[in-house]
Amino acid sequence: MRGCRPLADMEVRNVVERLTGASKRDTALFLLGIKSGFRISELLSLKVGDLLQAGRMVERVTVARRNMKKRVEGRTVLLHPEAKEALAEWFQELAAEEKLTAETFVFLSRKGDNRPVTRVHAWRVLHQAFTDTDLGGKLGTHSMRKTFANKVYDALGHDLIKTQRALGHRNINSTACYLSFREEDIDRAILAI
């Protein structure tokens, strides 16, 4: 988590554009990560039945307690329309390959039977997309969660308590560590004194 930076809006758009040309699965992974704030291990634990019920995409996605960090409690997040659309496209591809069942891992590995991609593979996919779009700085899978944290924090009018809830943190200090304090914001504040 430390040192890994969030992405700016233009960087997110560039990565989505790059991934869209390569893989529907990887695009869905990135968009769900950016729009839900789930950790990579939480994303990879999801099965189709967690997102698709009675033939329809769910409104809220839940990661079960057993798949959460520290396994204290599960977390439910509203499924963002962009993530929902990317998932629907990926599910169409899975259906065409006759692999769309409730027990299928959402981010299915192309190797072996029903297994999700590994965390290392997810990092490689994202790292390649970051490299291809000329992004600098320390970036990784956790950049998705940090981007989510910053976007939610801004959208909530810098309400740390609500941001804590959105991230599912038990300790507000953890939430504060996620938030980027942009150097230019600090410079403007100093100049405004």
N, C-alpha and C. Protein backbone atom coordinates (compact mmCIF):
# COMPACT_ATOMS: atom_id res chain seq x y z
N MET A 1 0.82 -1.19 0.00
CA MET A 1 0.00 0.00 0.00
C MET A 1 0.86 1.24 0.00
N ARG A 2 1.86 1.32 0.86
CA ARG A 2 2.66 2.53 0.96
C ARG A 2 3.45 2.75 -0.31
N GLY A 3 3.44 4.00 -0.74
CA GLY A 3 4.21 4.36 -1.92
C GLY A 3 3.43 4.19 -3.21
N CYS A 4 2.47 3.31 -3.22
CA CYS A 4 1.66 3.10 -4.40
C CYS A 4 0.74 4.31 -4.56
N ARG A 5 0.70 4.88 -5.74
CA ARG A 5 -0.06 6.11 -5.92
C ARG A 5 -1.39 5.87 -6.63
N PRO A 6 -2.34 6.79 -6.41
CA PRO A 6 -3.60 6.70 -7.15
C PRO A 6 -3.42 7.24 -8.57
N LEU A 7 -4.40 6.98 -9.40
CA LEU A 7 -4.38 7.44 -10.78
C LEU A 7 -5.25 8.69 -10.93
N ALA A 8 -4.83 9.59 -11.80
CA ALA A 8 -5.63 10.76 -12.16
C ALA A 8 -6.69 10.32 -13.17
N ASP A 9 -7.72 11.14 -13.35
CA ASP A 9 -8.83 10.79 -14.25
C ASP A 9 -8.35 10.45 -15.66
N MET A 10 -7.45 11.27 -16.21
CA MET A 10 -6.95 11.02 -17.57
C MET A 10 -6.17 9.71 -17.62
N GLU A 11 -5.43 9.41 -16.57
CA GLU A 11 -4.68 8.15 -16.52
C GLU A 11 -5.63 6.95 -16.51
N VAL A 12 -6.72 7.06 -15.76
CA VAL A 12 -7.72 5.99 -15.73
C VAL A 12 -8.29 5.79 -17.12
N ARG A 13 -8.66 6.88 -17.80
CA ARG A 13 -9.21 6.77 -19.15
C ARG A 13 -8.22 6.10 -20.11
N ASN A 14 -6.95 6.48 -20.00
CA ASN A 14 -5.92 5.90 -20.88
C ASN A 14 -5.75 4.40 -20.62
N VAL A 15 -5.76 4.00 -19.36
CA VAL A 15 -5.60 2.59 -19.02
C VAL A 15 -6.82 1.80 -19.51
N VAL A 16 -8.02 2.35 -19.31
CA VAL A 16 -9.24 1.67 -19.79
C VAL A 16 -9.19 1.50 -21.30
N GLU A 17 -8.78 2.54 -22.00
CA GLU A 17 -8.67 2.48 -23.46
C GLU A 17 -7.68 1.39 -23.88
N ARG A 18 -6.57 1.33 -23.20
CA ARG A 18 -5.53 0.33 -23.51
C ARG A 18 -6.04 -1.08 -23.23
N LEU A 19 -6.69 -1.28 -22.09
CA LEU A 19 -7.18 -2.61 -21.73
C LEU A 19 -8.33 -3.06 -22.61
N THR A 20 -9.18 -2.11 -22.99
CA THR A 20 -10.35 -2.44 -23.82
C THR A 20 -9.90 -3.06 -25.14
N GLY A 21 -8.80 -2.59 -25.67
CA GLY A 21 -8.30 -3.16 -26.91
C GLY A 21 -7.68 -4.52 -26.73
N ALA A 22 -7.37 -4.90 -25.51
CA ALA A 22 -6.66 -6.15 -25.26
C ALA A 22 -7.55 -7.27 -24.73
N SER A 23 -8.36 -6.97 -23.69
CA SER A 23 -9.09 -8.05 -23.01
C SER A 23 -10.31 -7.53 -22.25
N LYS A 24 -11.45 -8.15 -22.51
CA LYS A 24 -12.67 -7.78 -21.78
C LYS A 24 -12.54 -8.14 -20.30
N ARG A 25 -11.91 -9.26 -20.01
CA ARG A 25 -11.70 -9.68 -18.61
C ARG A 25 -10.87 -8.65 -17.86
N ASP A 26 -9.76 -8.24 -18.45
CA ASP A 26 -8.86 -7.30 -17.78
C ASP A 26 -9.49 -5.92 -17.64
N THR A 27 -10.29 -5.52 -18.63
CA THR A 27 -11.01 -4.25 -18.54
C THR A 27 -12.01 -4.29 -17.39
N ALA A 28 -12.74 -5.41 -17.28
CA ALA A 28 -13.71 -5.57 -16.19
C ALA A 28 -13.02 -5.56 -14.84
N LEU A 29 -11.87 -6.23 -14.75
CA LEU A 29 -11.12 -6.25 -13.49
C LEU A 29 -10.71 -4.84 -13.09
N PHE A 30 -10.15 -4.09 -14.01
CA PHE A 30 -9.69 -2.74 -13.71
C PHE A 30 -10.85 -1.83 -13.33
N LEU A 31 -11.92 -1.86 -14.12
CA LEU A 31 -13.06 -0.97 -13.82
C LEU A 31 -13.75 -1.34 -12.51
N LEU A 32 -13.90 -2.62 -12.23
CA LEU A 32 -14.50 -3.00 -10.95
C LEU A 32 -13.59 -2.58 -9.80
N GLY A 33 -12.29 -2.72 -9.98
CA GLY A 33 -11.35 -2.30 -8.94
C GLY A 33 -11.39 -0.81 -8.69
N ILE A 34 -11.40 -0.03 -9.75
CA ILE A 34 -11.42 1.44 -9.64
C ILE A 34 -12.75 1.93 -9.06
N LYS A 35 -13.84 1.26 -9.41
CA LYS A 35 -15.17 1.74 -9.04
C LYS A 35 -15.73 1.11 -7.77
N SER A 36 -15.02 0.12 -7.19
CA SER A 36 -15.53 -0.51 -5.96
C SER A 36 -14.58 -0.35 -4.78
N GLY A 37 -13.30 -0.21 -5.06
CA GLY A 37 -12.32 -0.09 -3.99
C GLY A 37 -11.97 -1.42 -3.33
N PHE A 38 -12.37 -2.53 -3.92
CA PHE A 38 -11.99 -3.82 -3.37
C PHE A 38 -10.50 -4.06 -3.59
N ARG A 39 -9.88 -4.77 -2.67
CA ARG A 39 -8.48 -5.18 -2.83
C ARG A 39 -8.41 -6.24 -3.93
N ILE A 40 -7.22 -6.44 -4.49
CA ILE A 40 -7.08 -7.39 -5.59
C ILE A 40 -7.50 -8.79 -5.18
N SER A 41 -7.15 -9.23 -3.99
CA SER A 41 -7.52 -10.58 -3.54
C SER A 41 -9.04 -10.69 -3.39
N GLU A 42 -9.68 -9.62 -3.01
CA GLU A 42 -11.15 -9.60 -2.88
C GLU A 42 -11.80 -9.70 -4.26
N LEU A 43 -11.27 -8.95 -5.21
CA LEU A 43 -11.79 -9.00 -6.59
C LEU A 43 -11.65 -10.41 -7.17
N LEU A 44 -10.49 -11.00 -6.94
CA LEU A 44 -10.22 -12.32 -7.53
C LEU A 44 -11.04 -13.43 -6.87
N SER A 45 -11.60 -13.17 -5.70
CA SER A 45 -12.42 -14.17 -5.01
C SER A 45 -13.84 -14.24 -5.56
N LEU A 46 -14.25 -13.24 -6.33
CA LEU A 46 -15.63 -13.16 -6.82
C LEU A 46 -15.95 -14.26 -7.83
N LYS A 47 -17.16 -14.80 -7.70
CA LYS A 47 -17.68 -15.77 -8.66
C LYS A 47 -18.84 -15.13 -9.41
N VAL A 48 -19.14 -15.65 -10.57
CA VAL A 48 -20.22 -15.11 -11.40
C VAL A 48 -21.51 -15.00 -10.61
N GLY A 49 -21.81 -15.98 -9.78
CA GLY A 49 -23.04 -15.96 -8.97
C GLY A 49 -23.11 -14.82 -7.97
N ASP A 50 -21.95 -14.20 -7.65
CA ASP A 50 -21.94 -13.03 -6.77
C ASP A 50 -22.43 -11.79 -7.50
N LEU A 51 -22.35 -11.82 -8.83
CA LEU A 51 -22.68 -10.64 -9.63
C LEU A 51 -23.89 -10.82 -10.54
N LEU A 52 -24.17 -12.04 -10.90
CA LEU A 52 -25.27 -12.34 -11.81
C LEU A 52 -26.24 -13.28 -11.12
N GLN A 53 -27.45 -12.78 -10.84
CA GLN A 53 -28.45 -13.58 -10.14
C GLN A 53 -29.77 -13.51 -10.88
N ALA A 54 -30.37 -14.66 -11.10
CA ALA A 54 -31.63 -14.76 -11.86
C ALA A 54 -31.50 -14.08 -13.22
N GLY A 55 -30.34 -14.25 -13.84
CA GLY A 55 -30.13 -13.70 -15.17
C GLY A 55 -29.89 -12.20 -15.24
N ARG A 56 -29.81 -11.55 -14.08
CA ARG A 56 -29.62 -10.09 -14.06
C ARG A 56 -28.41 -9.74 -13.20
N MET A 57 -27.77 -8.65 -13.59
CA MET A 57 -26.63 -8.15 -12.83
C MET A 57 -27.15 -7.56 -11.51
N VAL A 58 -26.47 -7.84 -10.42
CA VAL A 58 -26.87 -7.33 -9.11
C VAL A 58 -26.65 -5.81 -9.04
N GLU A 59 -27.33 -5.16 -8.13
CA GLU A 59 -27.15 -3.72 -7.92
C GLU A 59 -25.96 -3.44 -7.00
N ARG A 60 -25.72 -4.36 -6.07
CA ARG A 60 -24.62 -4.23 -5.12
C ARG A 60 -23.81 -5.52 -5.11
N VAL A 61 -22.51 -5.37 -5.06
CA VAL A 61 -21.64 -6.54 -5.04
C VAL A 61 -21.09 -6.72 -3.63
N THR A 62 -21.12 -7.96 -3.17
CA THR A 62 -20.66 -8.28 -1.83
C THR A 62 -19.49 -9.24 -1.89
N VAL A 63 -18.45 -8.91 -1.15
CA VAL A 63 -17.34 -9.85 -0.95
C VAL A 63 -17.55 -10.44 0.43
N ALA A 64 -17.61 -11.76 0.47
CA ALA A 64 -17.87 -12.46 1.73
C ALA A 64 -16.74 -12.26 2.73
N ARG A 65 -17.09 -12.35 3.98
CA ARG A 65 -16.13 -12.16 5.08
C ARG A 65 -14.90 -13.05 4.92
N ARG A 66 -15.09 -14.29 4.50
CA ARG A 66 -13.96 -15.22 4.38
C ARG A 66 -12.92 -14.75 3.36
N ASN A 67 -13.31 -13.84 2.45
CA ASN A 67 -12.39 -13.36 1.42
C ASN A 67 -11.84 -11.96 1.70
N MET A 68 -12.22 -11.39 2.85
CA MET A 68 -11.79 -10.05 3.19
C MET A 68 -10.49 -10.08 3.99
N LYS A 69 -9.74 -9.01 3.91
CA LYS A 69 -8.54 -8.89 4.73
C LYS A 69 -8.97 -8.93 6.19
N LYS A 70 -8.28 -9.66 6.99
CA LYS A 70 -8.53 -9.87 8.42
C LYS A 70 -9.82 -10.64 8.70
N ARG A 71 -10.62 -10.91 7.71
CA ARG A 71 -11.82 -11.74 7.81
C ARG A 71 -12.75 -11.37 8.96
N VAL A 72 -12.87 -10.08 9.23
CA VAL A 72 -13.72 -9.63 10.32
C VAL A 72 -15.17 -9.51 9.86
N GLU A 73 -15.38 -8.90 8.70
CA GLU A 73 -16.72 -8.79 8.15
C GLU A 73 -16.64 -8.60 6.65
N GLY A 74 -17.73 -8.95 5.95
CA GLY A 74 -17.80 -8.76 4.51
C GLY A 74 -18.01 -7.29 4.17
N ARG A 75 -18.04 -6.99 2.90
CA ARG A 75 -18.25 -5.61 2.46
C ARG A 75 -19.10 -5.61 1.21
N THR A 76 -20.08 -4.72 1.19
CA THR A 76 -20.99 -4.59 0.05
C THR A 76 -20.86 -3.19 -0.52
N VAL A 77 -20.76 -3.12 -1.85
CA VAL A 77 -20.59 -1.84 -2.53
C VAL A 77 -21.55 -1.78 -3.71
N LEU A 78 -22.09 -0.60 -3.97
CA LEU A 78 -22.93 -0.37 -5.14
C LEU A 78 -22.12 -0.68 -6.39
N LEU A 79 -22.72 -1.41 -7.32
CA LEU A 79 -22.03 -1.75 -8.57
C LEU A 79 -22.17 -0.58 -9.53
N HIS A 80 -21.07 0.09 -9.81
CA HIS A 80 -21.04 1.26 -10.67
C HIS A 80 -21.44 0.88 -12.10
N PRO A 81 -22.20 1.73 -12.80
CA PRO A 81 -22.65 1.41 -14.17
C PRO A 81 -21.51 1.08 -15.14
N GLU A 82 -20.37 1.77 -15.05
CA GLU A 82 -19.25 1.46 -15.96
C GLU A 82 -18.70 0.07 -15.69
N ALA A 83 -18.59 -0.29 -14.43
CA ALA A 83 -18.12 -1.63 -14.08
C ALA A 83 -19.15 -2.67 -14.51
N LYS A 84 -20.42 -2.37 -14.32
CA LYS A 84 -21.50 -3.28 -14.70
C LYS A 84 -21.46 -3.55 -16.20
N GLU A 85 -21.26 -2.51 -16.99
CA GLU A 85 -21.20 -2.66 -18.45
C GLU A 85 -20.00 -3.51 -18.86
N ALA A 86 -18.84 -3.26 -18.26
CA ALA A 86 -17.64 -4.04 -18.59
C ALA A 86 -17.83 -5.50 -18.19
N LEU A 87 -18.45 -5.73 -17.04
CA LEU A 87 -18.71 -7.11 -16.59
C LEU A 87 -19.68 -7.80 -17.53
N ALA A 88 -20.72 -7.09 -17.99
CA ALA A 88 -21.70 -7.68 -18.90
C ALA A 88 -21.02 -8.11 -20.20
N GLU A 89 -20.11 -7.30 -20.71
CA GLU A 89 -19.38 -7.66 -21.93
C GLU A 89 -18.50 -8.89 -21.70
N TRP A 90 -17.85 -8.94 -20.54
CA TRP A 90 -17.00 -10.08 -20.21
C TRP A 90 -17.85 -11.34 -20.05
N PHE A 91 -19.01 -11.21 -19.41
CA PHE A 91 -19.89 -12.36 -19.21
C PHE A 91 -20.42 -12.89 -20.54
N GLN A 92 -20.64 -12.01 -21.52
CA GLN A 92 -21.07 -12.46 -22.85
C GLN A 92 -19.99 -13.35 -23.47
N GLU A 93 -18.74 -12.95 -23.28
CA GLU A 93 -17.63 -13.74 -23.80
C GLU A 93 -17.56 -15.10 -23.08
N LEU A 94 -17.73 -15.10 -21.77
CA LEU A 94 -17.74 -16.36 -21.02
C LEU A 94 -18.90 -17.26 -21.47
N ALA A 95 -20.06 -16.65 -21.71
CA ALA A 95 -21.23 -17.42 -22.16
C ALA A 95 -20.97 -18.03 -23.53
N ALA A 96 -20.34 -17.30 -24.42
CA ALA A 96 -20.02 -17.81 -25.75
C ALA A 96 -19.07 -19.00 -25.67
N GLU A 97 -18.23 -19.01 -24.64
CA GLU A 97 -17.29 -20.13 -24.43
C GLU A 97 -17.91 -21.21 -23.54
N GLU A 98 -19.20 -21.06 -23.20
CA GLU A 98 -19.93 -21.98 -22.34
C GLU A 98 -19.26 -22.16 -20.98
N LYS A 99 -18.77 -21.06 -20.43
CA LYS A 99 -18.12 -21.08 -19.12
C LYS A 99 -18.84 -20.20 -18.09
N LEU A 100 -20.02 -19.72 -18.44
CA LEU A 100 -20.75 -18.81 -17.56
C LEU A 100 -21.67 -19.60 -16.63
N THR A 101 -21.15 -19.96 -15.45
CA THR A 101 -21.96 -20.63 -14.43
C THR A 101 -21.80 -19.84 -13.14
N ALA A 102 -22.69 -20.06 -12.20
CA ALA A 102 -22.64 -19.34 -10.92
C ALA A 102 -21.33 -19.60 -10.19
N GLU A 103 -20.72 -20.75 -10.37
CA GLU A 103 -19.50 -21.12 -9.66
C GLU A 103 -18.21 -20.72 -10.38
N THR A 104 -18.35 -20.18 -11.58
CA THR A 104 -17.17 -19.75 -12.33
C THR A 104 -16.58 -18.50 -11.69
N PHE A 105 -15.27 -18.48 -11.51
CA PHE A 105 -14.62 -17.27 -11.02
C PHE A 105 -14.77 -16.19 -12.07
N VAL A 106 -15.10 -14.98 -11.62
CA VAL A 106 -15.31 -13.86 -12.54
C VAL A 106 -14.06 -13.60 -13.37
N PHE A 107 -12.92 -13.55 -12.72
CA PHE A 107 -11.68 -13.24 -13.43
C PHE A 107 -10.91 -14.53 -13.67
N LEU A 108 -11.51 -15.35 -14.50
CA LEU A 108 -11.09 -16.70 -14.80
C LEU A 108 -9.73 -16.73 -15.49
N SER A 109 -8.88 -17.61 -14.97
CA SER A 109 -7.57 -17.83 -15.60
C SER A 109 -7.78 -18.65 -16.86
N ARG A 110 -6.93 -18.41 -17.82
CA ARG A 110 -6.99 -19.21 -19.05
C ARG A 110 -6.25 -20.53 -18.88
N LYS A 111 -5.60 -20.69 -17.73
CA LYS A 111 -4.84 -21.91 -17.45
C LYS A 111 -5.63 -22.79 -16.49
N GLY A 112 -5.82 -24.01 -16.87
CA GLY A 112 -6.48 -24.95 -15.97
C GLY A 112 -7.98 -24.79 -15.91
N ASP A 113 -8.56 -25.50 -14.96
CA ASP A 113 -10.00 -25.45 -14.77
C ASP A 113 -10.38 -24.16 -14.04
N ASN A 114 -11.50 -24.17 -13.40
CA ASN A 114 -12.08 -22.98 -12.78
C ASN A 114 -11.19 -22.40 -11.67
N ARG A 115 -10.27 -21.55 -12.08
CA ARG A 115 -9.38 -20.84 -11.14
C ARG A 115 -9.31 -19.38 -11.57
N PRO A 116 -9.23 -18.47 -10.59
CA PRO A 116 -9.05 -17.07 -10.98
C PRO A 116 -7.60 -16.82 -11.38
N VAL A 117 -7.37 -15.72 -12.07
CA VAL A 117 -5.99 -15.33 -12.34
C VAL A 117 -5.32 -15.10 -10.99
N THR A 118 -4.02 -15.18 -10.96
CA THR A 118 -3.30 -14.94 -9.71
C THR A 118 -3.11 -13.45 -9.49
N ARG A 119 -2.77 -13.09 -8.27
CA ARG A 119 -2.47 -11.69 -7.96
C ARG A 119 -1.29 -11.21 -8.78
N VAL A 120 -0.31 -12.08 -8.97
CA VAL A 120 0.87 -11.73 -9.76
C VAL A 120 0.48 -11.46 -11.21
N HIS A 121 -0.39 -12.31 -11.76
CA HIS A 121 -0.83 -12.10 -13.14
C HIS A 121 -1.60 -10.78 -13.26
N ALA A 122 -2.47 -10.50 -12.30
CA ALA A 122 -3.22 -9.24 -12.32
C ALA A 122 -2.25 -8.05 -12.29
N TRP A 123 -1.22 -8.16 -11.45
CA TRP A 123 -0.22 -7.08 -11.38
C TRP A 123 0.47 -6.92 -12.74
N ARG A 124 0.84 -8.03 -13.37
CA ARG A 124 1.52 -7.97 -14.68
C ARG A 124 0.64 -7.30 -15.73
N VAL A 125 -0.63 -7.66 -15.75
CA VAL A 125 -1.57 -7.08 -16.71
C VAL A 125 -1.64 -5.57 -16.51
N LEU A 126 -1.83 -5.15 -15.26
CA LEU A 126 -1.94 -3.72 -14.98
C LEU A 126 -0.61 -3.00 -15.22
N HIS A 127 0.48 -3.63 -14.82
CA HIS A 127 1.80 -3.02 -15.03
C HIS A 127 2.05 -2.78 -16.52
N GLN A 128 1.66 -3.75 -17.34
CA GLN A 128 1.84 -3.60 -18.79
C GLN A 128 0.98 -2.45 -19.32
N ALA A 129 -0.25 -2.35 -18.82
CA ALA A 129 -1.13 -1.25 -19.24
C ALA A 129 -0.57 0.10 -18.78
N PHE A 130 -0.04 0.16 -17.58
CA PHE A 130 0.57 1.40 -17.08
C PHE A 130 1.79 1.77 -17.92
N THR A 131 2.60 0.79 -18.26
CA THR A 131 3.80 1.02 -19.08
C THR A 131 3.40 1.47 -20.48
N ASP A 132 2.42 0.79 -21.06
CA ASP A 132 1.97 1.12 -22.42
C ASP A 132 1.39 2.53 -22.52
N THR A 133 0.87 3.04 -21.42
CA THR A 133 0.29 4.39 -21.43
C THR A 133 1.23 5.42 -20.82
N ASP A 134 2.50 5.03 -20.67
CA ASP A 134 3.57 5.93 -20.20
C ASP A 134 3.29 6.55 -18.83
N LEU A 135 2.74 5.76 -17.91
CA LEU A 135 2.50 6.27 -16.56
C LEU A 135 3.74 6.04 -15.70
N GLY A 136 4.09 7.04 -14.93
CA GLY A 136 5.26 6.93 -14.06
C GLY A 136 4.86 6.81 -12.61
N GLY A 137 5.86 6.67 -11.77
CA GLY A 137 5.61 6.55 -10.34
C GLY A 137 5.33 5.11 -9.96
N LYS A 138 5.18 4.88 -8.67
CA LYS A 138 4.93 3.52 -8.18
C LYS A 138 3.46 3.20 -8.35
N LEU A 139 3.19 2.27 -9.24
CA LEU A 139 1.82 1.85 -9.53
C LEU A 139 1.71 0.34 -9.40
N GLY A 140 0.56 -0.11 -9.00
CA GLY A 140 0.32 -1.54 -8.87
C GLY A 140 -1.16 -1.81 -8.74
N THR A 141 -1.51 -3.01 -8.32
CA THR A 141 -2.92 -3.35 -8.18
C THR A 141 -3.60 -2.49 -7.11
N HIS A 142 -2.85 -2.09 -6.11
CA HIS A 142 -3.44 -1.29 -5.03
C HIS A 142 -3.73 0.15 -5.49
N SER A 143 -3.19 0.54 -6.63
CA SER A 143 -3.51 1.86 -7.18
C SER A 143 -5.00 1.99 -7.46
N MET A 144 -5.65 0.86 -7.78
CA MET A 144 -7.10 0.89 -8.02
C MET A 144 -7.82 1.30 -6.75
N ARG A 145 -7.48 0.69 -5.63
CA ARG A 145 -8.12 0.98 -4.35
C ARG A 145 -7.82 2.41 -3.91
N LYS A 146 -6.59 2.85 -4.10
CA LYS A 146 -6.23 4.22 -3.72
C LYS A 146 -6.94 5.25 -4.59
N THR A 147 -7.12 4.93 -5.86
CA THR A 147 -7.86 5.83 -6.76
C THR A 147 -9.30 5.93 -6.28
N PHE A 148 -9.91 4.80 -5.96
CA PHE A 148 -11.27 4.79 -5.43
C PHE A 148 -11.35 5.64 -4.17
N ALA A 149 -10.41 5.46 -3.26
CA ALA A 149 -10.42 6.20 -1.99
C ALA A 149 -10.39 7.71 -2.24
N ASN A 150 -9.52 8.15 -3.12
CA ASN A 150 -9.41 9.58 -3.40
C ASN A 150 -10.66 10.13 -4.07
N LYS A 151 -11.23 9.37 -5.01
CA LYS A 151 -12.44 9.83 -5.70
C LYS A 151 -13.62 9.92 -4.73
N VAL A 152 -13.77 8.93 -3.86
CA VAL A 152 -14.86 8.94 -2.88
C VAL A 152 -14.66 10.09 -1.89
N TYR A 153 -13.45 10.27 -1.43
CA TYR A 153 -13.13 11.35 -0.49
C TYR A 153 -13.50 12.72 -1.09
N ASP A 154 -13.14 12.94 -2.34
CA ASP A 154 -13.50 14.19 -3.02
C ASP A 154 -15.01 14.32 -3.19
N ALA A 155 -15.66 13.22 -3.63
CA ALA A 155 -17.11 13.25 -3.87
C ALA A 155 -17.90 13.47 -2.59
N LEU A 156 -17.34 13.05 -1.46
CA LEU A 156 -18.02 13.22 -0.17
C LEU A 156 -17.65 14.53 0.52
N GLY A 157 -17.03 15.44 -0.22
CA GLY A 157 -16.69 16.74 0.36
C GLY A 157 -15.62 16.64 1.44
N HIS A 158 -14.70 15.70 1.26
CA HIS A 158 -13.58 15.48 2.18
C HIS A 158 -14.04 15.03 3.57
N ASP A 159 -15.09 14.21 3.58
CA ASP A 159 -15.60 13.63 4.82
C ASP A 159 -14.85 12.32 5.09
N LEU A 160 -13.96 12.37 6.07
CA LEU A 160 -13.10 11.24 6.37
C LEU A 160 -13.88 10.05 6.93
N ILE A 161 -14.90 10.33 7.73
CA ILE A 161 -15.70 9.27 8.35
C ILE A 161 -16.46 8.47 7.28
N LYS A 162 -17.09 9.16 6.35
CA LYS A 162 -17.83 8.47 5.29
C LYS A 162 -16.87 7.73 4.35
N THR A 163 -15.71 8.30 4.10
CA THR A 163 -14.71 7.64 3.27
C THR A 163 -14.23 6.36 3.95
N GLN A 164 -14.05 6.42 5.27
CA GLN A 164 -13.67 5.25 6.04
C GLN A 164 -14.71 4.14 5.83
N ARG A 165 -15.95 4.50 5.89
CA ARG A 165 -17.04 3.52 5.71
C ARG A 165 -17.03 2.94 4.30
N ALA A 166 -16.80 3.81 3.30
CA ALA A 166 -16.78 3.35 1.91
C ALA A 166 -15.65 2.35 1.66
N LEU A 167 -14.54 2.53 2.36
CA LEU A 167 -13.40 1.63 2.19
C LEU A 167 -13.48 0.39 3.08
N GLY A 168 -14.37 0.42 4.06
CA GLY A 168 -14.51 -0.71 4.96
C GLY A 168 -13.41 -0.79 6.00
N HIS A 169 -12.80 0.34 6.31
CA HIS A 169 -11.74 0.37 7.32
C HIS A 169 -12.33 0.39 8.72
N ARG A 170 -11.71 -0.29 9.64
CA ARG A 170 -12.12 -0.24 11.04
C ARG A 170 -11.47 0.94 11.75
N ASN A 171 -10.29 1.33 11.28
CA ASN A 171 -9.53 2.41 11.92
C ASN A 171 -9.39 3.58 10.94
N ILE A 172 -9.76 4.74 11.38
CA ILE A 172 -9.72 5.93 10.51
C ILE A 172 -8.29 6.29 10.09
N ASN A 173 -7.31 5.88 10.88
CA ASN A 173 -5.92 6.15 10.50
C ASN A 173 -5.55 5.40 9.21
N SER A 174 -6.13 4.23 9.02
CA SER A 174 -5.90 3.49 7.78
C SER A 174 -6.43 4.29 6.59
N THR A 175 -7.59 4.89 6.78
CA THR A 175 -8.19 5.69 5.71
C THR A 175 -7.32 6.88 5.38
N ALA A 176 -6.83 7.56 6.39
CA ALA A 176 -5.97 8.74 6.17
C ALA A 176 -4.72 8.36 5.39
N CYS A 177 -4.18 7.17 5.61
CA CYS A 177 -2.98 6.72 4.89
C CYS A 177 -3.26 6.53 3.40
N TYR A 178 -4.50 6.22 3.04
CA TYR A 178 -4.85 5.98 1.64
C TYR A 178 -4.93 7.26 0.82
N LEU A 179 -5.25 8.35 1.49
CA LEU A 179 -5.55 9.57 0.76
C LEU A 179 -4.28 10.30 0.33
N SER A 180 -4.27 10.72 -0.89
CA SER A 180 -3.14 11.47 -1.42
C SER A 180 -3.35 12.94 -1.13
N PHE A 181 -2.34 13.52 -0.62
CA PHE A 181 -2.40 14.96 -0.42
C PHE A 181 -1.51 15.56 -1.48
N ARG A 182 -2.17 16.12 -2.47
CA ARG A 182 -1.47 16.63 -3.64
C ARG A 182 -0.62 17.84 -3.27
N GLU A 183 0.60 17.80 -3.71
CA GLU A 183 1.57 18.86 -3.42
C GLU A 183 1.05 20.23 -3.88
N GLU A 184 0.41 20.27 -5.04
CA GLU A 184 -0.10 21.57 -5.54
C GLU A 184 -1.21 22.12 -4.64
N ASP A 185 -2.00 21.24 -4.01
CA ASP A 185 -3.03 21.70 -3.07
C ASP A 185 -2.37 22.34 -1.84
N ILE A 186 -1.32 21.72 -1.37
CA ILE A 186 -0.60 22.24 -0.21
C ILE A 186 0.05 23.58 -0.57
N ASP A 187 0.65 23.65 -1.76
CA ASP A 187 1.28 24.90 -2.21
C ASP A 187 0.25 26.03 -2.28
N ARG A 188 -0.94 25.73 -2.84
CA ARG A 188 -2.01 26.75 -2.93
C ARG A 188 -2.43 27.22 -1.54
N ALA A 189 -2.54 26.29 -0.61
CA ALA A 189 -2.93 26.66 0.76
C ALA A 189 -1.89 27.56 1.40
N ILE A 190 -0.63 27.25 1.19
CA ILE A 190 0.44 28.08 1.75
C ILE A 190 0.40 29.47 1.15
N LEU A 191 0.20 29.56 -0.14
CA LEU A 191 0.14 30.87 -0.80
C LEU A 191 -1.09 31.67 -0.41
N ALA A 192 -2.14 30.96 0.03
CA ALA A 192 -3.38 31.64 0.42
C ALA A 192 -3.34 32.20 1.83
N ILE A 193 -2.33 31.86 2.61
CA ILE A 193 -2.24 32.32 4.00
C ILE A 193 -1.88 33.79 4.04
